[in-house]
Amino acid sequence: MLNPEDIEPPFGVGRLDVDGVEYVAPFLRCNYGEGEIELHWGNATIRAFHFDDTMNHVETRIEGKLKGIRMGQDIMDLMIKYGYPMRVDPVPDEATVDWFLSMEMSELDRELDELGEDGL
C-alpha cells in the first residue's frame, strides 16, 4: 500500500472514491488548454511503446473526449511508482501517431511564432 508520506512533489495526496471505496491516492495537477486538470488513478493511463518511447504519454478524458498529454519521463516514472494504470504496446497505433504529429506541428508553429516576435 502507498504511504502518503512517500509521495513526492509535484504530486499531492487526495481522497479518491471508486465504486464506494475510498482510497488515499496521489494526484497531479497540470495545465491543459485554458484550465487545469487533476490526474489520478481513476482518470489517467500511461501509454508506453516498446519500439518508440518518444510517443510515450498519458491519456485522460476531458469533457468526454480521450486526450493525450505529454509528460516528462521523470513524471511518468513517478506515476508508475505510484501505481497509475499503464498500457504498453509494441508500436503506436494510428491515432497515437496522428496525435503525436499534431503535437509536433503545434510545437513547431509556436517556436516559429516566437522567432517572428523576436524579429528574426
N, C-alpha and C. Protein backbone atom coordinates (compact mmCIF):
# COMPACT_ATOMS: atom_id res chain seq x y z
N MET A 1 0.84 -1.19 0.00
CA MET A 1 0.00 0.00 0.00
C MET A 1 0.88 1.24 0.00
N LEU A 2 0.41 2.26 -0.69
CA LEU A 2 1.15 3.50 -0.82
C LEU A 2 1.04 4.33 0.46
N ASN A 3 2.17 4.75 0.97
CA ASN A 3 2.20 5.59 2.16
C ASN A 3 2.16 7.05 1.71
N PRO A 4 1.18 7.83 2.17
CA PRO A 4 1.08 9.23 1.73
C PRO A 4 2.35 10.05 1.96
N GLU A 5 3.13 9.71 2.99
CA GLU A 5 4.37 10.45 3.26
C GLU A 5 5.43 10.19 2.19
N ASP A 6 5.27 9.12 1.42
CA ASP A 6 6.25 8.78 0.38
C ASP A 6 6.00 9.49 -0.94
N ILE A 7 4.90 10.20 -1.06
CA ILE A 7 4.55 10.87 -2.32
C ILE A 7 5.36 12.15 -2.45
N GLU A 8 6.06 12.27 -3.58
CA GLU A 8 6.97 13.39 -3.81
C GLU A 8 6.31 14.47 -4.67
N PRO A 9 6.68 15.74 -4.45
CA PRO A 9 6.23 16.80 -5.35
C PRO A 9 6.74 16.52 -6.76
N PRO A 10 6.02 16.89 -7.78
CA PRO A 10 4.86 17.77 -7.81
C PRO A 10 3.53 17.08 -7.52
N PHE A 11 3.55 15.83 -7.09
CA PHE A 11 2.31 15.12 -6.76
C PHE A 11 1.81 15.56 -5.40
N GLY A 12 0.50 15.48 -5.24
CA GLY A 12 -0.14 15.72 -3.97
C GLY A 12 -0.87 14.46 -3.55
N VAL A 13 -1.54 14.53 -2.40
CA VAL A 13 -2.30 13.40 -1.88
C VAL A 13 -3.74 13.84 -1.73
N GLY A 14 -4.65 12.99 -2.18
CA GLY A 14 -6.07 13.28 -2.05
C GLY A 14 -6.85 12.01 -1.82
N ARG A 15 -8.14 12.17 -1.65
CA ARG A 15 -9.02 11.02 -1.47
C ARG A 15 -9.74 10.76 -2.79
N LEU A 16 -9.79 9.49 -3.16
CA LEU A 16 -10.41 9.07 -4.42
C LEU A 16 -11.44 8.00 -4.10
N ASP A 17 -12.69 8.23 -4.53
CA ASP A 17 -13.76 7.26 -4.32
C ASP A 17 -13.97 6.48 -5.60
N VAL A 18 -13.80 5.16 -5.52
CA VAL A 18 -14.02 4.28 -6.66
C VAL A 18 -15.05 3.24 -6.25
N ASP A 19 -16.22 3.32 -6.85
CA ASP A 19 -17.31 2.37 -6.56
C ASP A 19 -17.60 2.26 -5.07
N GLY A 20 -17.61 3.39 -4.39
CA GLY A 20 -17.95 3.42 -2.99
C GLY A 20 -16.81 3.09 -2.04
N VAL A 21 -15.64 2.80 -2.58
CA VAL A 21 -14.47 2.53 -1.74
C VAL A 21 -13.55 3.74 -1.83
N GLU A 22 -13.18 4.26 -0.66
CA GLU A 22 -12.34 5.45 -0.64
C GLU A 22 -10.87 5.06 -0.50
N TYR A 23 -10.04 5.67 -1.33
CA TYR A 23 -8.60 5.44 -1.33
C TYR A 23 -7.87 6.75 -1.08
N VAL A 24 -6.73 6.66 -0.44
CA VAL A 24 -5.79 7.78 -0.41
C VAL A 24 -4.94 7.59 -1.64
N ALA A 25 -4.93 8.60 -2.50
CA ALA A 25 -4.29 8.43 -3.81
C ALA A 25 -3.45 9.64 -4.18
N PRO A 26 -2.38 9.40 -4.93
CA PRO A 26 -1.59 10.52 -5.45
C PRO A 26 -2.32 11.19 -6.60
N PHE A 27 -2.16 12.49 -6.73
CA PHE A 27 -2.72 13.20 -7.87
C PHE A 27 -1.70 14.22 -8.37
N LEU A 28 -1.89 14.60 -9.62
CA LEU A 28 -1.01 15.58 -10.25
C LEU A 28 -1.88 16.63 -10.91
N ARG A 29 -1.71 17.88 -10.52
CA ARG A 29 -2.41 18.98 -11.19
C ARG A 29 -1.52 19.48 -12.31
N CYS A 30 -2.13 19.65 -13.49
CA CYS A 30 -1.35 20.19 -14.60
C CYS A 30 -2.23 21.08 -15.46
N ASN A 31 -1.59 22.01 -16.13
CA ASN A 31 -2.29 22.91 -17.04
C ASN A 31 -2.69 22.15 -18.28
N TYR A 32 -3.90 22.45 -18.75
CA TYR A 32 -4.36 21.86 -20.01
C TYR A 32 -5.25 22.88 -20.67
N GLY A 33 -4.81 23.36 -21.84
CA GLY A 33 -5.57 24.40 -22.52
C GLY A 33 -5.63 25.65 -21.66
N GLU A 34 -6.84 26.15 -21.45
CA GLU A 34 -7.02 27.36 -20.65
C GLU A 34 -7.22 27.06 -19.17
N GLY A 35 -7.29 25.77 -18.82
CA GLY A 35 -7.58 25.43 -17.44
C GLY A 35 -6.55 24.50 -16.83
N GLU A 36 -6.99 23.85 -15.78
CA GLU A 36 -6.13 22.93 -15.05
C GLU A 36 -6.90 21.63 -14.86
N ILE A 37 -6.20 20.51 -14.95
CA ILE A 37 -6.82 19.22 -14.70
C ILE A 37 -6.06 18.51 -13.59
N GLU A 38 -6.73 17.55 -12.98
CA GLU A 38 -6.12 16.77 -11.92
C GLU A 38 -6.10 15.31 -12.37
N LEU A 39 -4.90 14.76 -12.49
CA LEU A 39 -4.76 13.37 -12.92
C LEU A 39 -4.58 12.47 -11.71
N HIS A 40 -5.34 11.38 -11.68
CA HIS A 40 -5.25 10.42 -10.58
C HIS A 40 -5.48 9.02 -11.15
N TRP A 41 -5.47 8.01 -10.28
CA TRP A 41 -5.61 6.62 -10.70
C TRP A 41 -6.87 6.38 -11.52
N GLY A 42 -7.92 7.11 -11.20
CA GLY A 42 -9.21 6.85 -11.84
C GLY A 42 -9.40 7.48 -13.20
N ASN A 43 -8.53 8.42 -13.59
CA ASN A 43 -8.77 9.11 -14.87
C ASN A 43 -7.54 9.22 -15.77
N ALA A 44 -6.45 8.57 -15.41
CA ALA A 44 -5.23 8.70 -16.23
C ALA A 44 -4.62 7.32 -16.47
N THR A 45 -4.15 7.11 -17.69
CA THR A 45 -3.46 5.88 -18.07
C THR A 45 -2.16 6.25 -18.78
N ILE A 46 -1.07 5.66 -18.35
CA ILE A 46 0.21 5.85 -19.02
C ILE A 46 0.21 4.99 -20.27
N ARG A 47 0.57 5.57 -21.40
CA ARG A 47 0.71 4.82 -22.65
C ARG A 47 2.20 4.77 -22.98
N ALA A 48 2.72 3.58 -23.16
CA ALA A 48 4.13 3.39 -23.47
C ALA A 48 4.27 2.43 -24.64
N PHE A 49 5.37 2.58 -25.39
CA PHE A 49 5.60 1.79 -26.59
C PHE A 49 7.01 1.21 -26.56
N HIS A 50 7.11 -0.09 -26.83
CA HIS A 50 8.40 -0.78 -26.78
C HIS A 50 9.43 -0.20 -27.74
N PHE A 51 9.01 0.09 -28.97
CA PHE A 51 9.97 0.41 -30.02
C PHE A 51 10.11 1.90 -30.31
N ASP A 52 9.37 2.76 -29.62
CA ASP A 52 9.47 4.20 -29.87
C ASP A 52 8.99 4.96 -28.64
N ASP A 53 9.90 5.19 -27.70
CA ASP A 53 9.48 5.84 -26.46
C ASP A 53 9.26 7.34 -26.61
N THR A 54 9.53 7.91 -27.79
CA THR A 54 9.27 9.35 -27.99
C THR A 54 7.77 9.64 -27.96
N MET A 55 6.94 8.62 -28.18
CA MET A 55 5.49 8.83 -28.20
C MET A 55 4.82 8.44 -26.88
N ASN A 56 5.61 8.09 -25.87
CA ASN A 56 5.02 7.79 -24.57
C ASN A 56 4.28 9.02 -24.06
N HIS A 57 3.12 8.81 -23.43
CA HIS A 57 2.31 9.92 -22.97
C HIS A 57 1.30 9.42 -21.94
N VAL A 58 0.47 10.33 -21.45
CA VAL A 58 -0.60 10.00 -20.52
C VAL A 58 -1.91 10.30 -21.22
N GLU A 59 -2.85 9.37 -21.11
CA GLU A 59 -4.19 9.58 -21.67
C GLU A 59 -5.17 9.86 -20.54
N THR A 60 -6.12 10.74 -20.83
CA THR A 60 -7.20 11.05 -19.90
C THR A 60 -8.41 11.50 -20.70
N ARG A 61 -9.54 11.53 -20.08
CA ARG A 61 -10.75 12.04 -20.74
C ARG A 61 -11.02 13.45 -20.23
N ILE A 62 -11.21 14.35 -21.18
CA ILE A 62 -11.55 15.74 -20.86
C ILE A 62 -12.83 16.05 -21.62
N GLU A 63 -13.85 16.42 -20.86
CA GLU A 63 -15.17 16.69 -21.44
C GLU A 63 -15.63 15.51 -22.31
N GLY A 64 -15.37 14.29 -21.83
CA GLY A 64 -15.83 13.09 -22.51
C GLY A 64 -14.98 12.63 -23.68
N LYS A 65 -13.93 13.37 -24.01
CA LYS A 65 -13.09 13.01 -25.15
C LYS A 65 -11.72 12.55 -24.66
N LEU A 66 -11.22 11.47 -25.28
CA LEU A 66 -9.90 10.95 -24.94
C LEU A 66 -8.83 11.91 -25.44
N LYS A 67 -7.93 12.32 -24.54
CA LYS A 67 -6.87 13.27 -24.87
C LYS A 67 -5.52 12.71 -24.45
N GLY A 68 -4.49 13.04 -25.20
CA GLY A 68 -3.13 12.68 -24.84
C GLY A 68 -2.41 13.89 -24.27
N ILE A 69 -1.59 13.66 -23.26
CA ILE A 69 -0.82 14.73 -22.64
C ILE A 69 0.62 14.28 -22.56
N ARG A 70 1.51 15.09 -23.09
CA ARG A 70 2.93 14.79 -22.98
C ARG A 70 3.38 15.02 -21.55
N MET A 71 4.20 14.12 -21.08
CA MET A 71 4.78 14.23 -19.74
C MET A 71 6.25 13.90 -19.83
N GLY A 72 7.05 14.52 -18.99
CA GLY A 72 8.45 14.16 -18.92
C GLY A 72 8.60 12.75 -18.36
N GLN A 73 9.67 12.08 -18.73
CA GLN A 73 9.87 10.71 -18.27
C GLN A 73 9.96 10.63 -16.75
N ASP A 74 10.51 11.67 -16.12
CA ASP A 74 10.60 11.66 -14.66
C ASP A 74 9.22 11.64 -14.01
N ILE A 75 8.27 12.37 -14.59
CA ILE A 75 6.90 12.38 -14.06
C ILE A 75 6.24 11.03 -14.31
N MET A 76 6.42 10.48 -15.52
CA MET A 76 5.83 9.17 -15.81
C MET A 76 6.43 8.08 -14.93
N ASP A 77 7.72 8.18 -14.61
CA ASP A 77 8.35 7.22 -13.70
C ASP A 77 7.69 7.27 -12.32
N LEU A 78 7.39 8.49 -11.83
CA LEU A 78 6.70 8.61 -10.55
C LEU A 78 5.28 8.06 -10.65
N MET A 79 4.60 8.29 -11.77
CA MET A 79 3.25 7.75 -11.95
C MET A 79 3.29 6.22 -11.88
N ILE A 80 4.29 5.62 -12.51
CA ILE A 80 4.44 4.16 -12.46
C ILE A 80 4.69 3.72 -11.02
N LYS A 81 5.59 4.41 -10.34
CA LYS A 81 5.90 4.10 -8.94
C LYS A 81 4.66 4.17 -8.06
N TYR A 82 3.76 5.12 -8.35
CA TYR A 82 2.56 5.33 -7.55
C TYR A 82 1.38 4.47 -8.01
N GLY A 83 1.61 3.58 -8.97
CA GLY A 83 0.59 2.61 -9.35
C GLY A 83 -0.45 3.09 -10.33
N TYR A 84 -0.16 4.14 -11.09
CA TYR A 84 -1.11 4.56 -12.13
C TYR A 84 -1.25 3.44 -13.16
N PRO A 85 -2.44 3.28 -13.73
CA PRO A 85 -2.62 2.26 -14.76
C PRO A 85 -1.70 2.54 -15.95
N MET A 86 -1.28 1.47 -16.60
CA MET A 86 -0.34 1.60 -17.71
C MET A 86 -0.71 0.62 -18.81
N ARG A 87 -0.61 1.08 -20.04
CA ARG A 87 -0.81 0.22 -21.20
C ARG A 87 0.47 0.27 -22.03
N VAL A 88 1.03 -0.90 -22.32
CA VAL A 88 2.26 -0.98 -23.10
C VAL A 88 1.94 -1.72 -24.39
N ASP A 89 2.27 -1.10 -25.51
CA ASP A 89 2.07 -1.70 -26.83
C ASP A 89 3.42 -1.79 -27.54
N PRO A 90 3.56 -2.75 -28.46
CA PRO A 90 4.82 -2.85 -29.21
C PRO A 90 5.09 -1.61 -30.05
N VAL A 91 4.07 -1.13 -30.75
CA VAL A 91 4.21 0.04 -31.63
C VAL A 91 2.99 0.94 -31.44
N PRO A 92 3.13 2.23 -31.74
CA PRO A 92 1.99 3.14 -31.62
C PRO A 92 0.92 2.83 -32.67
N ASP A 93 -0.33 3.01 -32.27
CA ASP A 93 -1.45 2.85 -33.19
C ASP A 93 -1.58 4.12 -34.04
N GLU A 94 -2.42 4.06 -35.06
CA GLU A 94 -2.56 5.19 -36.00
C GLU A 94 -3.03 6.47 -35.30
N ALA A 95 -3.97 6.34 -34.38
CA ALA A 95 -4.47 7.53 -33.67
C ALA A 95 -3.36 8.19 -32.85
N THR A 96 -2.50 7.37 -32.24
CA THR A 96 -1.39 7.92 -31.46
C THR A 96 -0.39 8.62 -32.35
N VAL A 97 -0.09 8.03 -33.51
CA VAL A 97 0.83 8.68 -34.46
C VAL A 97 0.25 10.01 -34.91
N ASP A 98 -1.04 10.05 -35.24
CA ASP A 98 -1.69 11.30 -35.65
C ASP A 98 -1.61 12.35 -34.54
N TRP A 99 -1.90 11.93 -33.29
CA TRP A 99 -1.83 12.84 -32.16
C TRP A 99 -0.41 13.39 -32.01
N PHE A 100 0.58 12.50 -32.08
CA PHE A 100 1.97 12.90 -31.91
C PHE A 100 2.38 13.91 -32.98
N LEU A 101 2.04 13.64 -34.24
CA LEU A 101 2.39 14.56 -35.32
C LEU A 101 1.71 15.92 -35.12
N SER A 102 0.47 15.90 -34.67
CA SER A 102 -0.25 17.15 -34.39
C SER A 102 0.45 17.94 -33.29
N MET A 103 0.90 17.26 -32.23
CA MET A 103 1.62 17.92 -31.15
C MET A 103 2.94 18.51 -31.64
N GLU A 104 3.65 17.76 -32.46
CA GLU A 104 4.92 18.25 -33.01
C GLU A 104 4.70 19.49 -33.87
N MET A 105 3.66 19.46 -34.71
CA MET A 105 3.37 20.62 -35.57
C MET A 105 3.00 21.84 -34.74
N SER A 106 2.21 21.64 -33.70
CA SER A 106 1.83 22.76 -32.82
C SER A 106 3.06 23.37 -32.16
N GLU A 107 3.96 22.51 -31.73
CA GLU A 107 5.18 23.00 -31.09
C GLU A 107 6.05 23.77 -32.07
N LEU A 108 6.17 23.27 -33.30
CA LEU A 108 6.94 23.98 -34.32
C LEU A 108 6.30 25.33 -34.65
N ASP A 109 4.97 25.37 -34.77
CA ASP A 109 4.27 26.62 -35.04
C ASP A 109 4.53 27.63 -33.92
N ARG A 110 4.49 27.15 -32.68
CA ARG A 110 4.73 28.03 -31.53
C ARG A 110 6.15 28.59 -31.57
N GLU A 111 7.12 27.74 -31.90
CA GLU A 111 8.52 28.19 -31.99
C GLU A 111 8.70 29.20 -33.11
N LEU A 112 8.06 28.98 -34.25
CA LEU A 112 8.14 29.94 -35.36
C LEU A 112 7.52 31.28 -34.99
N ASP A 113 6.39 31.23 -34.28
CA ASP A 113 5.76 32.47 -33.82
C ASP A 113 6.68 33.24 -32.88
N GLU A 114 7.34 32.52 -31.99
CA GLU A 114 8.27 33.18 -31.07
C GLU A 114 9.44 33.79 -31.82
N LEU A 115 9.94 33.12 -32.83
CA LEU A 115 11.04 33.67 -33.63
C LEU A 115 10.58 34.95 -34.33
N GLY A 116 9.36 34.93 -34.85
CA GLY A 116 8.82 36.10 -35.53
C GLY A 116 8.66 37.27 -34.60
N GLU A 117 8.25 37.01 -33.36
CA GLU A 117 8.09 38.06 -32.36
C GLU A 117 9.43 38.66 -31.95
N ASP A 118 10.49 37.85 -32.02
CA ASP A 118 11.81 38.33 -31.66
C ASP A 118 12.48 39.11 -32.79
N GLY A 119 11.81 39.20 -33.93
CA GLY A 119 12.33 39.99 -35.04
C GLY A 119 13.38 39.26 -35.88
N LEU A 120 13.41 37.96 -35.81
CA LEU A 120 14.38 37.20 -36.61
C LEU A 120 13.79 36.82 -37.94
